Amino acid sequence: MVRDSPRHYGWRTISDGDGVSIFGGSHVWVDHCSLSNCNDGLIDAIHGSTAITISNNYMTHHNKVMLLGHSDLYPQDKGMQVTIAFNHFGEGLVQRMPRCRHGYFHVVNNDYTHWEMYAIGGSAAPTINSQGNRFLAPNDRFNKEVTKHEDAAESEWKNWNWRSEGDLMLNGAFFTASGAGASSSYAKASSLGARPSSLITSITSASGALNCRKGSRC
């Protein structure tokens, strides 16, 4: 559920314009949404949120797509665990698909057909496990890299655990891996078995809002 109670964790002020805002929430499933052109992020999860699945969504025409983690200086997000699966990241997207801080993130079986700056980024030593995705790089030769290690020198980010397994790289796309690959770290960023990237068209074919009619199965 996107919202299940009028009570919130902490003091909420006026919305900053996110399509979906998860604030101190846990066990949240954002599924089969079509999202574009929001004021801030399409989906943001902050302030100790965890146990989140973002799946089967269709996202287009937006700059800062998805923020996971409040701040580099907010250690309460170190336990964050998020699964991003079976989504289509499409036309007109720029960056943050997602942008991660601290925690553990499983990016699995998504279709990336457009980005202008980068697809997956992070800071504050997040663990990112990218498996079975399809990445189609833009034609701009300066923005072929899938990843962006943010707000740190290479001497620091080279120790962050980021890996790519079974991803399909198209049009010159490349993933800059880092870290020693501690199995205990990736265990927290592994929520399901990845299917082959050759199946991505089929896997993501029904992403986005469902076409449902009363009395009929969606």
Protein backbone atom coordinates (compact mmCIF):
# COMPACT_ATOMS: atom_id res chain seq x y z
CA MET A 1 0.00 0.00 0.00
CA VAL A 2 1.22 3.49 -0.77
CA ARG A 3 -0.59 4.95 2.26
CA ASP A 4 -2.19 3.02 5.09
CA SER A 5 -2.57 5.50 7.95
CA PRO A 6 -2.98 9.23 8.67
CA ARG A 7 -0.19 8.87 11.26
CA HIS A 8 3.38 9.41 10.12
CA TYR A 9 6.85 8.77 11.46
CA GLY A 10 8.25 12.15 12.41
CA TRP A 11 6.97 15.60 11.53
CA ARG A 12 5.71 15.97 7.99
CA THR A 13 5.61 19.34 6.28
CA ILE A 14 4.33 20.32 2.86
CA SER A 15 5.01 17.76 0.13
CA ASP A 16 8.12 18.40 -1.94
CA GLY A 17 6.41 17.04 -5.03
CA ASP A 18 7.33 13.36 -5.14
CA GLY A 19 5.04 11.04 -7.07
CA VAL A 20 5.37 8.46 -4.29
CA SER A 21 6.99 9.49 -0.99
CA ILE A 22 7.92 6.81 1.57
CA PHE A 23 8.89 8.42 4.88
CA GLY A 24 9.95 6.07 7.67
CA GLY A 25 7.87 3.29 6.11
CA SER A 26 8.49 -0.44 6.01
CA HIS A 27 7.03 -3.39 4.11
CA VAL A 28 5.91 -1.19 1.22
CA TRP A 29 5.13 -2.44 -2.28
CA VAL A 30 4.91 0.03 -5.18
CA ASP A 31 3.64 -2.03 -8.11
CA HIS A 32 2.21 -1.41 -11.60
CA CYS A 33 2.32 2.40 -11.52
CA SER A 34 2.89 4.68 -14.51
CA LEU A 35 4.89 7.71 -13.37
CA SER A 36 6.21 10.82 -15.12
CA ASN A 37 6.64 14.60 -14.83
CA CYS A 38 6.55 15.04 -11.04
CA ASN A 39 7.92 18.10 -9.30
CA ASP A 40 10.70 16.30 -7.40
CA GLY A 41 11.27 12.52 -7.50
CA LEU A 42 9.02 9.89 -9.02
CA ILE A 43 9.61 7.59 -6.03
CA ASP A 44 11.59 8.62 -2.93
CA ALA A 45 12.18 6.52 0.21
CA ILE A 46 13.89 8.20 3.17
CA HIS A 47 14.21 8.44 6.96
CA GLY A 48 14.76 4.82 7.91
CA SER A 49 12.42 3.29 5.35
CA THR A 50 13.10 -0.37 4.53
CA ALA A 51 11.65 -3.64 3.21
CA ILE A 52 10.48 -1.94 0.01
CA THR A 53 9.71 -3.49 -3.36
CA ILE A 54 9.39 -1.28 -6.44
CA SER A 55 8.19 -3.48 -9.29
CA ASN A 56 6.44 -3.53 -12.66
CA ASN A 57 6.38 0.26 -13.00
CA TYR A 58 6.68 2.32 -16.19
CA MET A 59 8.66 5.54 -15.75
CA THR A 60 9.25 8.27 -18.35
CA HIS A 61 9.96 12.02 -18.77
CA HIS A 62 11.62 12.95 -15.52
CA ASN A 63 14.96 14.16 -14.20
CA LYS A 64 15.62 12.75 -10.71
CA VAL A 65 13.73 9.48 -10.89
CA MET A 66 14.26 7.64 -7.61
CA LEU A 67 16.04 8.58 -4.35
CA LEU A 68 16.66 5.88 -1.76
CA GLY A 69 18.18 7.31 1.42
CA HIS A 70 17.76 10.71 3.05
CA SER A 71 21.31 12.02 3.37
CA ASP A 72 24.91 10.86 3.48
CA LEU A 73 24.85 12.04 7.10
CA TYR A 74 21.71 10.07 8.08
CA PRO A 75 22.96 6.71 9.47
CA GLN A 76 19.42 5.47 10.18
CA ASP A 77 19.26 4.51 6.50
CA LYS A 78 22.14 2.02 6.84
CA GLY A 79 19.66 -0.82 7.29
CA MET A 80 17.56 0.08 4.25
CA GLN A 81 16.77 -2.83 1.92
CA VAL A 82 15.05 -2.19 -1.41
CA THR A 83 14.25 -4.41 -4.39
CA ILE A 84 13.82 -2.77 -7.80
CA ALA A 85 12.48 -5.36 -10.23
CA PHE A 86 10.69 -5.72 -13.57
CA ASN A 87 10.44 -1.96 -14.21
CA HIS A 88 10.72 -0.07 -17.50
CA PHE A 89 12.88 3.05 -17.36
CA GLY A 90 12.05 4.83 -20.58
CA GLU A 91 11.89 7.94 -22.69
CA GLY A 92 12.97 11.28 -21.27
CA LEU A 93 14.63 10.04 -18.06
CA VAL A 94 17.85 11.71 -16.95
CA GLN A 95 19.31 10.15 -13.78
CA ARG A 96 18.72 8.33 -10.45
CA MET A 97 17.27 4.98 -11.49
CA PRO A 98 17.93 4.72 -8.53
CA ARG A 99 20.30 6.96 -6.54
CA CYS A 100 21.16 5.05 -3.35
CA ARG A 101 22.61 5.96 0.05
CA HIS A 102 23.87 3.59 2.75
CA GLY A 103 21.77 0.37 2.64
CA TYR A 104 21.32 -2.64 0.38
CA PHE A 105 19.75 -2.54 -3.09
CA HIS A 106 18.82 -5.34 -5.48
CA VAL A 107 18.32 -4.02 -9.02
CA VAL A 108 17.05 -6.99 -10.98
CA ASN A 109 15.47 -7.67 -14.39
CA ASN A 110 14.71 -4.06 -15.32
CA ASP A 111 14.70 -2.55 -18.81
CA TYR A 112 16.69 0.68 -19.16
CA THR A 113 16.01 2.17 -22.58
CA HIS A 114 16.94 5.79 -21.88
CA TRP A 115 19.09 7.94 -19.62
CA GLU A 116 20.85 11.24 -20.23
CA MET A 117 23.40 11.30 -17.37
CA TYR A 118 23.54 7.85 -15.74
CA ALA A 119 21.22 5.06 -14.63
CA ILE A 120 22.36 3.79 -11.21
CA GLY A 121 24.19 6.00 -8.72
CA GLY A 122 24.98 6.22 -5.06
CA SER A 123 26.98 7.64 -2.19
CA ALA A 124 27.77 6.80 1.44
CA ALA A 125 28.85 3.21 0.64
CA PRO A 126 25.62 1.53 -0.48
CA THR A 127 25.66 -2.10 -1.59
CA ILE A 128 24.24 -2.39 -5.12
CA ASN A 129 23.56 -5.77 -6.70
CA SER A 130 22.65 -5.39 -10.39
CA GLN A 131 21.48 -8.62 -12.02
CA GLY A 132 19.81 -9.53 -15.30
CA ASN A 133 19.04 -5.98 -16.42
CA ARG A 134 19.15 -4.61 -19.96
CA PHE A 135 20.98 -1.29 -20.34
CA LEU A 136 20.72 0.63 -23.62
CA ALA A 137 23.15 3.55 -23.47
CA PRO A 138 22.40 6.91 -25.10
CA ASN A 139 24.20 7.88 -28.28
CA ASP A 140 26.13 10.59 -26.41
CA ARG A 141 29.59 9.06 -26.04
CA PHE A 142 30.20 10.92 -22.77
CA ASN A 143 27.25 9.27 -20.98
CA LYS A 144 27.61 5.58 -21.75
CA GLU A 145 28.37 4.62 -18.15
CA VAL A 146 25.51 2.98 -16.28
CA THR A 147 26.92 3.89 -12.86
CA LYS A 148 27.91 7.00 -10.96
CA HIS A 149 29.84 6.81 -7.70
CA GLU A 150 28.90 10.14 -6.15
CA ASP A 151 30.43 12.52 -3.60
CA ALA A 152 33.61 10.51 -3.03
CA ALA A 153 37.10 10.11 -4.45
CA GLU A 154 37.99 6.85 -6.17
CA SER A 155 40.16 5.92 -3.19
CA GLU A 156 36.94 5.78 -1.16
CA TRP A 157 34.33 4.45 -3.61
CA LYS A 158 36.55 1.62 -4.83
CA ASN A 159 35.65 -0.12 -1.55
CA TRP A 160 31.87 0.12 -2.05
CA ASN A 161 30.23 -3.16 -3.00
CA TRP A 162 28.71 -2.67 -6.46
CA ARG A 163 28.47 -5.56 -8.90
CA SER A 164 26.90 -6.44 -12.23
CA GLU A 165 25.92 -10.05 -13.00
CA GLY A 166 24.20 -11.17 -16.18
CA ASP A 167 23.38 -7.63 -17.29
CA LEU A 168 23.03 -6.98 -21.03
CA MET A 169 25.00 -3.91 -22.12
CA LEU A 170 23.93 -2.32 -25.42
CA ASN A 171 25.21 0.62 -27.50
CA GLY A 172 28.43 0.88 -25.51
CA ALA A 173 26.90 0.80 -22.03
CA PHE A 174 29.28 -0.17 -19.23
CA PHE A 175 29.04 -0.74 -15.46
CA THR A 176 31.89 0.28 -13.16
CA ALA A 177 32.01 -2.35 -10.43
CA SER A 178 33.74 -1.80 -7.10
CA GLY A 179 34.40 -3.42 -3.74
CA ALA A 180 35.71 -6.74 -2.56
CA GLY A 181 32.36 -8.48 -3.02
CA ALA A 182 31.68 -9.58 0.55
CA SER A 183 29.06 -12.34 0.38
CA SER A 184 27.37 -11.19 3.59
CA SER A 185 26.83 -7.75 2.09
CA TYR A 186 25.33 -9.06 -1.15
CA ALA A 187 23.13 -11.50 0.77
CA LYS A 188 21.26 -8.47 2.12
CA ALA A 189 20.93 -7.17 -1.45
CA SER A 190 19.53 -10.37 -2.94
CA SER A 191 15.78 -10.83 -2.70
CA LEU A 192 14.97 -13.10 -5.67
CA GLY A 193 16.67 -15.12 -8.36
CA ALA A 194 17.44 -13.12 -11.48
CA ARG A 195 16.12 -14.38 -14.81
CA PRO A 196 18.23 -14.11 -17.98
CA SER A 197 18.46 -10.61 -19.47
CA SER A 198 17.43 -12.11 -22.82
CA LEU A 199 13.90 -12.34 -21.39
CA ILE A 200 13.61 -8.66 -20.43
CA THR A 201 11.14 -7.75 -23.20
CA SER A 202 8.75 -10.42 -21.96
CA ILE A 203 9.37 -9.75 -18.26
CA THR A 204 8.58 -6.02 -18.52
CA SER A 205 5.86 -6.19 -21.18
CA ALA A 206 3.08 -5.54 -18.66
CA SER A 207 4.86 -2.81 -16.68
CA GLY A 208 2.87 0.28 -15.76
CA ALA A 209 -0.71 0.81 -14.69
CA LEU A 210 -2.96 -2.16 -15.32
CA ASN A 211 -5.94 -1.89 -17.64
CA CYS A 212 -8.61 -3.19 -15.29
CA ARG A 213 -12.38 -3.32 -15.64
CA LYS A 214 -14.92 -4.08 -12.96
CA GLY A 215 -15.83 -7.73 -12.98
CA SER A 216 -12.84 -8.77 -15.08
CA ARG A 217 -9.41 -10.00 -14.17
CA CYS A 218 -6.67 -7.40 -14.74
